[in-house]
Amino acid sequence: MSQATAPPRPMPPPSGALPAAQRPGRRRRSQALPGHVFLTPWLIGTLGLTLGPMVISLYLSFTDYDLFSRPRWVGLANYRYMLEDDRFLTSAGVTLKYALIGTPLKLAAALGVALLLNRARRGVGVYRAAFYAPSLLGASVSVALVWRALFATDGATDRSLQFFGVHVGGFTDNPDYALYPLVLLTVWQFGAPMVVFLAGLKQIPKDLYESAALDGAGRVRTFFSITLPMLSPVLFFNLVLEIIHSFQAFTPAFVISGGTGGPSDSTLLYSLYLYQQAFASFHMGYASAMAWVLLAVIALITYAVFRSARLWVFYAQEDAS
């Protein structure tokens, strides 16, 4: 018997012979069109509200501009003047002190409360919401007003200390203590890093703690040998964010000091002095230069933290490989 042969398959026509709607290139473009349409508002906002103003502010940082006349090119004069501006140096020092004190205390409070709330107990969800609530308020004007009333002369804090025989004379009116209410305010709003720490604690394998308990390790040894190393990536994430937030703090200092940075420039944060130069003295060129210096400082500090991460951040997957 002769074996039947299958009829040859018809060859596909060349791409030029396909209908226009079936061409691969045209089909891909038609599929990508909805994505481009939905991205258009974001692109317009990015160019018009972010990249555009950044380019303009970079240009203004090399000019003498007061919002009422045409910018006059002065080159690096604004940047050189910063080294001679005593209030600029003061604001940089106050901001650095604020960040060095507030950031570790905030992270320590967030981690401590997260460790307490990580245990299963009745009503733990209510406690988590209560501790997170201050972070929802953010650095709002209303919270800063309440804070100023609490720490002003004859305020609730001052009267409470006087009851125990401690006479401060009001925190916000004393240059030696005026910065500490700002630090306490940022520490009080530890809810956001606390939630991140809670998520990290949930990811730590429980068998590590069981093995440590069998070996007789106590709570302190377990914390430093298991909890802290396993939480180091989360700690690194929170540290970077809180450093950036510390250098950008503005509203509490503005409200508590009445926009002056007083008393005696003790609460003159960098962003507050930038605001004064831009919208009180109308030195917009100098303020633009200050903004770019702030961006460069934050970038350098963030880079340094990233470089140091290899020394203290532990990744379990990398160690296992």
C-alpha atoms as a PDB file:
ATOM      1  CA  MET A   1       0.000   0.000   0.000  1.00  0.00           C
ATOM      2  CA  SER A   2       1.199   3.440  -0.823  1.00  0.00           C
ATOM      3  CA  GLN A   3       1.554   5.715   2.154  1.00  0.00           C
ATOM      4  CA  ALA A   4      -0.530   8.889   1.918  1.00  0.00           C
ATOM      5  CA  THR A   5       1.429  12.070   2.159  1.00  0.00           C
ATOM      6  CA  ALA A   6       0.120  15.145   3.993  1.00  0.00           C
ATOM      7  CA  PRO A   7      -0.579  18.123   1.816  1.00  0.00           C
ATOM      8  CA  PRO A   8       2.067  20.840   2.108  1.00  0.00           C
ATOM      9  CA  ARG A   9       1.296  23.683   4.482  1.00  0.00           C
ATOM     10  CA  PRO A  10       0.636  26.980   2.833  1.00  0.00           C
ATOM     11  CA  MET A  11       3.445  29.477   3.353  1.00  0.00           C
ATOM     12  CA  PRO A  12       2.437  32.672   5.243  1.00  0.00           C
ATOM     13  CA  PRO A  13       2.269  35.676   3.022  1.00  0.00           C
ATOM     14  CA  PRO A  14       5.030  38.255   3.360  1.00  0.00           C
ATOM     15  CA  SER A  15       4.539  40.932   6.026  1.00  0.00           C
ATOM     16  CA  GLY A  16       3.818  43.512   3.400  1.00  0.00           C
ATOM     17  CA  ALA A  17       0.888  41.419   2.178  1.00  0.00           C
ATOM     18  CA  LEU A  18      -0.779  41.279   5.618  1.00  0.00           C
ATOM     19  CA  PRO A  19      -3.698  43.571   6.280  1.00  0.00           C
ATOM     20  CA  ALA A  20      -2.710  46.743   8.106  1.00  0.00           C
ATOM     21  CA  ALA A  21      -4.607  45.703  11.264  1.00  0.00           C
ATOM     22  CA  GLN A  22      -2.654  42.387  11.442  1.00  0.00           C
ATOM     23  CA  ARG A  23       0.914  43.753  11.109  1.00  0.00           C
ATOM     24  CA  PRO A  24       2.991  43.027  14.263  1.00  0.00           C
ATOM     25  CA  GLY A  25       4.406  46.537  14.561  1.00  0.00           C
ATOM     26  CA  ARG A  26       1.054  48.215  14.233  1.00  0.00           C
ATOM     27  CA  ARG A  27      -0.476  45.712  16.679  1.00  0.00           C
ATOM     28  CA  ARG A  28       2.178  46.439  19.303  1.00  0.00           C
ATOM     29  CA  ARG A  29       1.705  50.171  18.920  1.00  0.00           C
ATOM     30  CA  SER A  30      -2.053  49.842  19.271  1.00  0.00           C
ATOM     31  CA  GLN A  31      -1.625  47.759  22.437  1.00  0.00           C
ATOM     32  CA  ALA A  32       0.813  50.276  23.963  1.00  0.00           C
ATOM     33  CA  LEU A  33      -1.384  53.287  23.175  1.00  0.00           C
ATOM     34  CA  PRO A  34      -3.694  52.924  26.256  1.00  0.00           C
ATOM     35  CA  GLY A  35      -0.654  52.715  28.523  1.00  0.00           C
ATOM     36  CA  HIS A  36       0.799  55.890  27.032  1.00  0.00           C
ATOM     37  CA  VAL A  37      -2.522  57.655  27.414  1.00  0.00           C
ATOM     38  CA  PHE A  38      -2.770  56.746  31.114  1.00  0.00           C
ATOM     39  CA  LEU A  39       0.871  57.767  31.683  1.00  0.00           C
ATOM     40  CA  THR A  40       0.394  61.174  30.079  1.00  0.00           C
ATOM     41  CA  PRO A  41      -1.003  62.944  33.210  1.00  0.00           C
ATOM     42  CA  TRP A  42       1.877  61.582  35.284  1.00  0.00           C
ATOM     43  CA  LEU A  43       4.437  62.704  32.696  1.00  0.00           C
ATOM     44  CA  ILE A  44       2.889  66.173  32.545  1.00  0.00           C
ATOM     45  CA  GLY A  45       2.921  66.426  36.332  1.00  0.00           C
ATOM     46  CA  THR A  46       6.515  65.185  36.564  1.00  0.00           C
ATOM     47  CA  LEU A  47       7.774  67.601  33.935  1.00  0.00           C
ATOM     48  CA  GLY A  48       5.669  70.555  35.063  1.00  0.00           C
ATOM     49  CA  LEU A  49       5.798  70.133  38.848  1.00  0.00           C
ATOM     50  CA  THR A  50       9.080  68.312  39.521  1.00  0.00           C
ATOM     51  CA  LEU A  51      11.729  68.345  36.804  1.00  0.00           C
ATOM     52  CA  GLY A  52      10.811  71.754  35.449  1.00  0.00           C
ATOM     53  CA  PRO A  53      10.998  73.575  38.812  1.00  0.00           C
ATOM     54  CA  MET A  54      14.218  71.723  39.641  1.00  0.00           C
ATOM     55  CA  VAL A  55      15.908  72.959  36.487  1.00  0.00           C
ATOM     56  CA  ILE A  56      14.650  76.504  37.098  1.00  0.00           C
ATOM     57  CA  SER A  57      15.813  76.474  40.721  1.00  0.00           C
ATOM     58  CA  LEU A  58      19.247  75.237  39.613  1.00  0.00           C
ATOM     59  CA  TYR A  59      19.491  78.198  37.254  1.00  0.00           C
ATOM     60  CA  LEU A  60      18.255  80.624  39.930  1.00  0.00           C
ATOM     61  CA  SER A  61      20.891  79.360  42.371  1.00  0.00           C
ATOM     62  CA  PHE A  62      23.488  81.098  40.185  1.00  0.00           C
ATOM     63  CA  THR A  63      21.570  84.376  40.052  1.00  0.00           C
ATOM     64  CA  ASP A  64      20.526  87.294  42.213  1.00  0.00           C
ATOM     65  CA  TYR A  65      16.729  87.125  42.090  1.00  0.00           C
ATOM     66  CA  ASP A  66      14.115  88.754  44.327  1.00  0.00           C
ATOM     67  CA  LEU A  67      10.833  87.735  42.598  1.00  0.00           C
ATOM     68  CA  PHE A  68      10.228  91.313  41.424  1.00  0.00           C
ATOM     69  CA  SER A  69      13.039  91.880  38.921  1.00  0.00           C
ATOM     70  CA  ARG A  70      14.819  89.858  36.282  1.00  0.00           C
ATOM     71  CA  PRO A  71      17.410  87.340  37.535  1.00  0.00           C
ATOM     72  CA  ARG A  72      20.975  88.655  37.385  1.00  0.00           C
ATOM     73  CA  TRP A  73      23.727  86.088  36.847  1.00  0.00           C
ATOM     74  CA  VAL A  74      26.237  86.053  39.730  1.00  0.00           C
ATOM     75  CA  GLY A  75      27.865  82.661  39.234  1.00  0.00           C
ATOM     76  CA  LEU A  76      28.983  80.971  42.465  1.00  0.00           C
ATOM     77  CA  ALA A  77      28.457  84.054  44.634  1.00  0.00           C
ATOM     78  CA  ASN A  78      25.461  82.527  46.460  1.00  0.00           C
ATOM     79  CA  TYR A  79      27.422  79.400  47.329  1.00  0.00           C
ATOM     80  CA  ARG A  80      30.451  81.392  48.503  1.00  0.00           C
ATOM     81  CA  TYR A  81      28.268  83.593  50.672  1.00  0.00           C
ATOM     82  CA  MET A  82      27.041  80.563  52.611  1.00  0.00           C
ATOM     83  CA  LEU A  83      30.477  80.173  54.179  1.00  0.00           C
ATOM     84  CA  GLU A  84      30.228  83.771  55.442  1.00  0.00           C
ATOM     85  CA  ASP A  85      26.600  83.617  56.585  1.00  0.00           C
ATOM     86  CA  ASP A  86      26.546  83.022  60.329  1.00  0.00           C
ATOM     87  CA  ARG A  87      22.833  82.144  60.380  1.00  0.00           C
ATOM     88  CA  PHE A  88      23.363  79.598  57.607  1.00  0.00           C
ATOM     89  CA  LEU A  89      26.052  77.870  59.657  1.00  0.00           C
ATOM     90  CA  THR A  90      23.845  78.072  62.755  1.00  0.00           C
ATOM     91  CA  SER A  91      20.898  76.504  60.931  1.00  0.00           C
ATOM     92  CA  ALA A  92      23.126  73.703  59.638  1.00  0.00           C
ATOM     93  CA  GLY A  93      24.362  72.996  63.157  1.00  0.00           C
ATOM     94  CA  VAL A  94      20.856  73.056  64.663  1.00  0.00           C
ATOM     95  CA  THR A  95      19.571  70.701  61.975  1.00  0.00           C
ATOM     96  CA  LEU A  96      22.484  68.316  62.463  1.00  0.00           C
ATOM     97  CA  LYS A  97      21.880  68.269  66.222  1.00  0.00           C
ATOM     98  CA  TYR A  98      18.161  67.706  65.651  1.00  0.00           C
ATOM     99  CA  ALA A  99      18.863  64.758  63.335  1.00  0.00           C
ATOM    100  CA  LEU A 100      21.552  63.189  65.534  1.00  0.00           C
ATOM    101  CA  ILE A 101      19.318  63.246  68.615  1.00  0.00           C
ATOM    102  CA  GLY A 102      15.876  62.710  67.135  1.00  0.00           C
ATOM    103  CA  THR A 103      16.555  59.931  64.627  1.00  0.00           C
ATOM    104  CA  PRO A 104      18.101  57.364  67.033  1.00  0.00           C
ATOM    105  CA  LEU A 105      15.527  58.102  69.729  1.00  0.00           C
ATOM    106  CA  LYS A 106      12.655  57.741  67.271  1.00  0.00           C
ATOM    107  CA  LEU A 107      13.946  54.437  65.924  1.00  0.00           C
ATOM    108  CA  ALA A 108      14.600  53.139  69.441  1.00  0.00           C
ATOM    109  CA  ALA A 109      11.064  54.042  70.546  1.00  0.00           C
ATOM    110  CA  ALA A 110       9.573  52.473  67.408  1.00  0.00           C
ATOM    111  CA  LEU A 111      11.548  49.252  67.862  1.00  0.00           C
ATOM    112  CA  GLY A 112      10.791  49.020  71.585  1.00  0.00           C
ATOM    113  CA  VAL A 113       7.046  49.418  71.107  1.00  0.00           C
ATOM    114  CA  ALA A 114       7.096  47.026  68.141  1.00  0.00           C
ATOM    115  CA  LEU A 115       8.705  44.364  70.333  1.00  0.00           C
ATOM    116  CA  LEU A 116       5.975  44.831  72.936  1.00  0.00           C
ATOM    117  CA  LEU A 117       3.158  44.727  70.393  1.00  0.00           C
ATOM    118  CA  ASN A 118       4.562  41.721  68.555  1.00  0.00           C
ATOM    119  CA  ARG A 119       3.299  39.389  71.258  1.00  0.00           C
ATOM    120  CA  ALA A 120      -0.183  37.944  70.979  1.00  0.00           C
ATOM    121  CA  ARG A 121      -2.382  39.419  73.669  1.00  0.00           C
ATOM    122  CA  ARG A 122      -5.916  40.699  74.083  1.00  0.00           C
ATOM    123  CA  GLY A 123      -6.574  44.083  72.464  1.00  0.00           C
ATOM    124  CA  VAL A 124      -3.201  44.257  70.726  1.00  0.00           C
ATOM    125  CA  GLY A 125      -4.857  45.648  67.592  1.00  0.00           C
ATOM    126  CA  VAL A 126      -6.247  48.582  69.561  1.00  0.00           C
ATOM    127  CA  TYR A 127      -2.805  49.339  70.998  1.00  0.00           C
ATOM    128  CA  ARG A 128      -1.216  49.205  67.561  1.00  0.00           C
ATOM    129  CA  ALA A 129      -3.761  51.653  66.184  1.00  0.00           C
ATOM    130  CA  ALA A 130      -3.303  53.970  69.178  1.00  0.00           C
ATOM    131  CA  PHE A 131       0.472  54.078  68.803  1.00  0.00           C
ATOM    132  CA  TYR A 132       0.217  54.563  65.050  1.00  0.00           C
ATOM    133  CA  ALA A 133      -2.346  57.391  65.260  1.00  0.00           C
ATOM    134  CA  PRO A 134       0.178  60.228  65.903  1.00  0.00           C
ATOM    135  CA  SER A 135       1.920  59.398  62.616  1.00  0.00           C
ATOM    136  CA  LEU A 136      -1.343  59.981  60.757  1.00  0.00           C
ATOM    137  CA  LEU A 137      -1.368  63.554  62.035  1.00  0.00           C
ATOM    138  CA  GLY A 138       2.094  64.154  60.615  1.00  0.00           C
ATOM    139  CA  ALA A 139       3.850  67.471  61.106  1.00  0.00           C
ATOM    140  CA  SER A 140       0.557  69.372  61.053  1.00  0.00           C
ATOM    141  CA  VAL A 141       0.046  72.928  62.255  1.00  0.00           C
ATOM    142  CA  SER A 142      -2.564  71.858  64.815  1.00  0.00           C
ATOM    143  CA  VAL A 143      -0.192  69.399  66.493  1.00  0.00           C
ATOM    144  CA  ALA A 144       2.584  71.995  66.569  1.00  0.00           C
ATOM    145  CA  LEU A 145       0.224  74.522  68.181  1.00  0.00           C
ATOM    146  CA  VAL A 146      -0.682  72.031  70.890  1.00  0.00           C
ATOM    147  CA  TRP A 147       2.991  71.281  71.404  1.00  0.00           C
ATOM    148  CA  ARG A 148       3.810  74.973  71.763  1.00  0.00           C
ATOM    149  CA  ALA A 149       1.085  75.358  74.392  1.00  0.00           C
ATOM    150  CA  LEU A 150       2.363  72.334  76.310  1.00  0.00           C
ATOM    151  CA  PHE A 151       5.969  73.517  76.498  1.00  0.00           C
ATOM    152  CA  ALA A 152       5.504  77.280  76.724  1.00  0.00           C
ATOM    153  CA  THR A 153       6.148  79.280  79.885  1.00  0.00           C
ATOM    154  CA  ASP A 154       3.455  78.385  82.441  1.00  0.00           C
ATOM    155  CA  GLY A 155       2.333  75.594  80.141  1.00  0.00           C
ATOM    156  CA  ALA A 156       1.276  72.151  81.314  1.00  0.00           C
ATOM    157  CA  THR A 157       4.819  70.771  81.228  1.00  0.00           C
ATOM    158  CA  ASP A 158       6.286  73.769  83.014  1.00  0.00           C
ATOM    159  CA  ARG A 159       3.685  73.657  85.779  1.00  0.00           C
ATOM    160  CA  SER A 160       4.153  69.902  86.213  1.00  0.00           C
ATOM    161  CA  LEU A 161       7.896  70.322  86.657  1.00  0.00           C
ATOM    162  CA  GLN A 162       7.386  73.168  89.106  1.00  0.00           C
ATOM    163  CA  PHE A 163       5.256  70.828  91.208  1.00  0.00           C
ATOM    164  CA  PHE A 164       8.368  68.639  91.640  1.00  0.00           C
ATOM    165  CA  GLY A 165      10.590  71.643  92.342  1.00  0.00           C
ATOM    166  CA  VAL A 166      12.145  71.891  88.845  1.00  0.00           C
ATOM    167  CA  HIS A 167      12.050  75.432  87.443  1.00  0.00           C
ATOM    168  CA  VAL A 168      12.846  75.579  83.734  1.00  0.00           C
ATOM    169  CA  GLY A 169      10.988  78.757  82.868  1.00  0.00           C
ATOM    170  CA  GLY A 170       9.349  77.304  79.795  1.00  0.00           C
ATOM    171  CA  PHE A 171      11.088  75.154  77.189  1.00  0.00           C
ATOM    172  CA  THR A 172      10.153  77.163  74.102  1.00  0.00           C
ATOM    173  CA  ASP A 173      11.395  80.404  75.652  1.00  0.00           C
ATOM    174  CA  ASN A 174      14.728  79.019  76.836  1.00  0.00           C
ATOM    175  CA  PRO A 175      17.512  78.781  74.197  1.00  0.00           C
ATOM    176  CA  ASP A 176      19.099  75.884  76.081  1.00  0.00           C
ATOM    177  CA  TYR A 177      15.973  73.690  75.865  1.00  0.00           C
ATOM    178  CA  ALA A 178      13.917  75.048  72.952  1.00  0.00           C
ATOM    179  CA  LEU A 179      15.098  72.377  70.513  1.00  0.00           C
ATOM    180  CA  TYR A 180      14.103  69.460  72.726  1.00  0.00           C
ATOM    181  CA  PRO A 181      10.313  69.887  72.292  1.00  0.00           C
ATOM    182  CA  LEU A 182      10.922  69.537  68.544  1.00  0.00           C
ATOM    183  CA  VAL A 183      12.916  66.371  69.159  1.00  0.00           C
ATOM    184  CA  LEU A 184      10.220  65.017  71.461  1.00  0.00           C
ATOM    185  CA  LEU A 185       7.578  65.762  68.845  1.00  0.00           C
ATOM    186  CA  THR A 186       9.336  63.755  66.150  1.00  0.00           C
ATOM    187  CA  VAL A 187       9.975  60.892  68.604  1.00  0.00           C
ATOM    188  CA  TRP A 188       6.275  60.903  69.572  1.00  0.00           C
ATOM    189  CA  GLN A 189       5.357  60.263  65.937  1.00  0.00           C
ATOM    190  CA  PHE A 190       7.124  56.893  65.725  1.00  0.00           C
ATOM    191  CA  GLY A 191       4.113  55.022  64.353  1.00  0.00           C
ATOM    192  CA  ALA A 192       5.307  54.636  60.760  1.00  0.00           C
ATOM    193  CA  PRO A 193       8.688  53.006  61.546  1.00  0.00           C
ATOM    194  CA  MET A 194       6.952  50.969  64.260  1.00  0.00           C
ATOM    195  CA  VAL A 195       4.672  49.352  61.671  1.00  0.00           C
ATOM    196  CA  VAL A 196       7.677  48.537  59.481  1.00  0.00           C
ATOM    197  CA  PHE A 197       9.472  46.985  62.452  1.00  0.00           C
ATOM    198  CA  LEU A 198       6.365  44.932  63.249  1.00  0.00           C
ATOM    199  CA  ALA A 199       6.314  43.580  59.704  1.00  0.00           C
ATOM    200  CA  GLY A 200       9.996  42.659  60.012  1.00  0.00           C
ATOM    201  CA  LEU A 201       9.467  40.908  63.336  1.00  0.00           C
ATOM    202  CA  LYS A 202       6.744  38.758  61.800  1.00  0.00           C
ATOM    203  CA  GLN A 203       9.217  37.489  59.192  1.00  0.00           C
ATOM    204  CA  ILE A 204      11.792  36.181  61.674  1.00  0.00           C
ATOM    205  CA  PRO A 205      11.598  32.352  61.819  1.00  0.00           C
ATOM    206  CA  LYS A 206      10.382  31.138  65.199  1.00  0.00           C
ATOM    207  CA  ASP A 207      12.670  28.131  65.154  1.00  0.00           C
ATOM    208  CA  LEU A 208      15.617  30.487  65.715  1.00  0.00           C
ATOM    209  CA  TYR A 209      14.132  31.546  69.035  1.00  0.00           C
ATOM    210  CA  GLU A 210      13.343  27.941  69.937  1.00  0.00           C
ATOM    211  CA  SER A 211      16.936  26.913  69.267  1.00  0.00           C
ATOM    212  CA  ALA A 212      18.209  29.836  71.340  1.00  0.00           C
ATOM    213  CA  ALA A 213      15.916  28.865  74.216  1.00  0.00           C
ATOM    214  CA  LEU A 214      17.215  25.296  74.117  1.00  0.00           C
ATOM    215  CA  ASP A 215      20.778  26.622  74.300  1.00  0.00           C
ATOM    216  CA  GLY A 216      19.873  28.662  77.374  1.00  0.00           C
ATOM    217  CA  ALA A 217      20.132  32.106  75.773  1.00  0.00           C
ATOM    218  CA  GLY A 218      18.374  34.902  77.682  1.00  0.00           C
ATOM    219  CA  ARG A 219      16.262  37.704  76.269  1.00  0.00           C
ATOM    220  CA  VAL A 220      19.139  40.144  75.964  1.00  0.00           C
ATOM    221  CA  ARG A 221      21.375  37.636  74.183  1.00  0.00           C
ATOM    222  CA  THR A 222      18.490  36.590  71.930  1.00  0.00           C
ATOM    223  CA  PHE A 223      17.777  40.206  71.019  1.00  0.00           C
ATOM    224  CA  PHE A 224      21.361  41.019  70.027  1.00  0.00           C
ATOM    225  CA  SER A 225      22.107  37.658  68.404  1.00  0.00           C
ATOM    226  CA  ILE A 226      18.855  36.964  66.556  1.00  0.00           C
ATOM    227  CA  THR A 227      16.326  39.799  66.566  1.00  0.00           C
ATOM    228  CA  LEU A 228      18.627  42.708  65.761  1.00  0.00           C
ATOM    229  CA  PRO A 229      20.630  40.958  62.983  1.00  0.00           C
ATOM    230  CA  MET A 230      17.440  39.652  61.341  1.00  0.00           C
ATOM    231  CA  LEU A 231      15.886  43.136  61.585  1.00  0.00           C
ATOM    232  CA  SER A 232      18.947  44.925  60.185  1.00  0.00           C
ATOM    233  CA  PRO A 233      17.492  45.336  56.639  1.00  0.00           C
ATOM    234  CA  VAL A 234      14.335  46.861  58.130  1.00  0.00           C
ATOM    235  CA  LEU A 235      16.432  49.039  60.437  1.00  0.00           C
ATOM    236  CA  PHE A 236      18.455  50.186  57.441  1.00  0.00           C
ATOM    237  CA  PHE A 237      15.276  51.134  55.562  1.00  0.00           C
ATOM    238  CA  ASN A 238      13.864  53.097  58.498  1.00  0.00           C
ATOM    239  CA  LEU A 239      17.194  54.797  59.154  1.00  0.00           C
ATOM    240  CA  VAL A 240      17.453  56.166  55.626  1.00  0.00           C
ATOM    241  CA  LEU A 241      13.879  57.469  55.656  1.00  0.00           C
ATOM    242  CA  GLU A 242      14.143  59.088  59.079  1.00  0.00           C
ATOM    243  CA  ILE A 243      17.426  60.824  58.247  1.00  0.00           C
ATOM    244  CA  ILE A 244      15.811  62.368  55.183  1.00  0.00           C
ATOM    245  CA  HIS A 245      12.754  63.408  57.192  1.00  0.00           C
ATOM    246  CA  SER A 246      14.937  64.991  59.879  1.00  0.00           C
ATOM    247  CA  PHE A 247      16.749  67.211  57.391  1.00  0.00           C
ATOM    248  CA  GLN A 248      13.428  68.250  55.817  1.00  0.00           C
ATOM    249  CA  ALA A 249      11.614  69.156  59.066  1.00  0.00           C
ATOM    250  CA  PHE A 250       9.933  72.546  58.847  1.00  0.00           C
ATOM    251  CA  THR A 251       6.395  72.923  60.235  1.00  0.00           C
ATOM    252  CA  PRO A 252       7.077  72.249  63.953  1.00  0.00           C
ATOM    253  CA  ALA A 253       9.985  74.701  64.050  1.00  0.00           C
ATOM    254  CA  PHE A 254       7.991  77.331  62.164  1.00  0.00           C
ATOM    255  CA  VAL A 255       4.917  77.103  64.394  1.00  0.00           C
ATOM    256  CA  ILE A 256       6.639  76.692  67.757  1.00  0.00           C
ATOM    257  CA  SER A 257       9.070  79.555  67.135  1.00  0.00           C
ATOM    258  CA  GLY A 258       6.531  81.771  65.382  1.00  0.00           C
ATOM    259  CA  GLY A 259       8.535  81.612  62.165  1.00  0.00           C
ATOM    260  CA  THR A 260      11.632  83.209  63.704  1.00  0.00           C
ATOM    261  CA  GLY A 261      13.685  80.184  64.702  1.00  0.00           C
ATOM    262  CA  GLY A 262      14.055  81.659  68.165  1.00  0.00           C
ATOM    263  CA  PRO A 263      14.852  82.064  70.867  1.00  0.00           C
ATOM    264  CA  SER A 264      18.369  83.044  69.771  1.00  0.00           C
ATOM    265  CA  ASP A 265      18.103  80.855  66.653  1.00  0.00           C
ATOM    266  CA  SER A 266      17.997  77.735  68.841  1.00  0.00           C
ATOM    267  CA  THR A 267      15.197  76.238  66.681  1.00  0.00           C
ATOM    268  CA  LEU A 268      16.407  77.612  63.349  1.00  0.00           C
ATOM    269  CA  LEU A 269      16.263  74.447  61.290  1.00  0.00           C
ATOM    270  CA  TYR A 270      17.773  74.542  57.816  1.00  0.00           C
ATOM    271  CA  SER A 271      14.436  74.407  56.011  1.00  0.00           C
ATOM    272  CA  LEU A 272      13.089  77.245  58.166  1.00  0.00           C
ATOM    273  CA  TYR A 273      16.042  79.483  57.331  1.00  0.00           C
ATOM    274  CA  LEU A 274      15.613  78.577  53.658  1.00  0.00           C
ATOM    275  CA  TYR A 275      11.981  79.666  53.904  1.00  0.00           C
ATOM    276  CA  GLN A 276      12.981  82.952  55.539  1.00  0.00           C
ATOM    277  CA  GLN A 277      15.448  83.725  52.781  1.00  0.00           C
ATOM    278  CA  ALA A 278      12.989  82.860  50.020  1.00  0.00           C
ATOM    279  CA  PHE A 279       9.680  84.300  51.226  1.00  0.00           C
ATOM    280  CA  ALA A 280      10.602  86.797  53.958  1.00  0.00           C
ATOM    281  CA  SER A 281      13.747  88.407  52.549  1.00  0.00           C
ATOM    282  CA  PHE A 282      12.931  87.508  48.915  1.00  0.00           C
ATOM    283  CA  HIS A 283      16.457  86.230  48.280  1.00  0.00           C
ATOM    284  CA  MET A 284      15.166  83.577  45.921  1.00  0.00           C
ATOM    285  CA  GLY A 285      18.526  82.966  44.273  1.00  0.00           C
ATOM    286  CA  TYR A 286      20.236  82.382  47.606  1.00  0.00           C
ATOM    287  CA  ALA A 287      17.366  80.153  48.773  1.00  0.00           C
ATOM    288  CA  SER A 288      17.657  78.086  45.596  1.00  0.00           C
ATOM    289  CA  ALA A 289      21.354  77.592  46.257  1.00  0.00           C
ATOM    290  CA  MET A 290      20.528  76.513  49.818  1.00  0.00           C
ATOM    291  CA  ALA A 291      18.017  73.997  48.478  1.00  0.00           C
ATOM    292  CA  TRP A 292      20.597  72.413  46.199  1.00  0.00           C
ATOM    293  CA  VAL A 293      23.144  72.264  48.999  1.00  0.00           C
ATOM    294  CA  LEU A 294      20.543  70.486  51.132  1.00  0.00           C
ATOM    295  CA  LEU A 295      19.907  68.008  48.316  1.00  0.00           C
ATOM    296  CA  ALA A 296      23.635  67.346  47.980  1.00  0.00           C
ATOM    297  CA  VAL A 297      24.073  66.848  51.740  1.00  0.00           C
ATOM    298  CA  ILE A 298      21.149  64.413  51.948  1.00  0.00           C
ATOM    299  CA  ALA A 299      22.500  62.520  48.943  1.00  0.00           C
ATOM    300  CA  LEU A 300      25.983  62.263  50.497  1.00  0.00           C
ATOM    301  CA  ILE A 301      24.644  61.090  53.861  1.00  0.00           C
ATOM    302  CA  THR A 302      22.386  58.533  52.180  1.00  0.00           C
ATOM    303  CA  TYR A 303      25.311  57.301  50.106  1.00  0.00           C
ATOM    304  CA  ALA A 304      27.430  56.956  53.253  1.00  0.00           C
ATOM    305  CA  VAL A 305      24.678  54.950  54.963  1.00  0.00           C
ATOM    306  CA  PHE A 306      24.406  52.682  51.921  1.00  0.00           C
ATOM    307  CA  ARG A 307      28.163  52.166  51.886  1.00  0.00           C
ATOM    308  CA  SER A 308      28.179  51.284  55.576  1.00  0.00           C
ATOM    309  CA  ALA A 309      25.318  48.810  55.144  1.00  0.00           C
ATOM    310  CA  ARG A 310      27.688  46.027  54.106  1.00  0.00           C
ATOM    311  CA  LEU A 311      29.242  46.155  57.579  1.00  0.00           C
ATOM    312  CA  TRP A 312      26.080  45.757  59.665  1.00  0.00           C
ATOM    313  CA  VAL A 313      23.112  44.768  57.476  1.00  0.00           C
ATOM    314  CA  PHE A 314      22.512  41.013  57.479  1.00  0.00           C
ATOM    315  CA  TYR A 315      20.621  39.311  54.632  1.00  0.00           C
ATOM    316  CA  ALA A 316      19.720  35.713  55.444  1.00  0.00           C
ATOM    317  CA  GLN A 317      19.439  34.615  51.799  1.00  0.00           C
ATOM    318  CA  GLU A 318      22.896  35.933  50.921  1.00  0.00           C
ATOM    319  CA  ASP A 319      24.386  34.212  53.968  1.00  0.00           C
ATOM    320  CA  ALA A 320      22.728  30.924  53.052  1.00  0.00           C
ATOM    321  CA  SER A 321      24.092  31.062  49.520  1.00  0.00           C
END
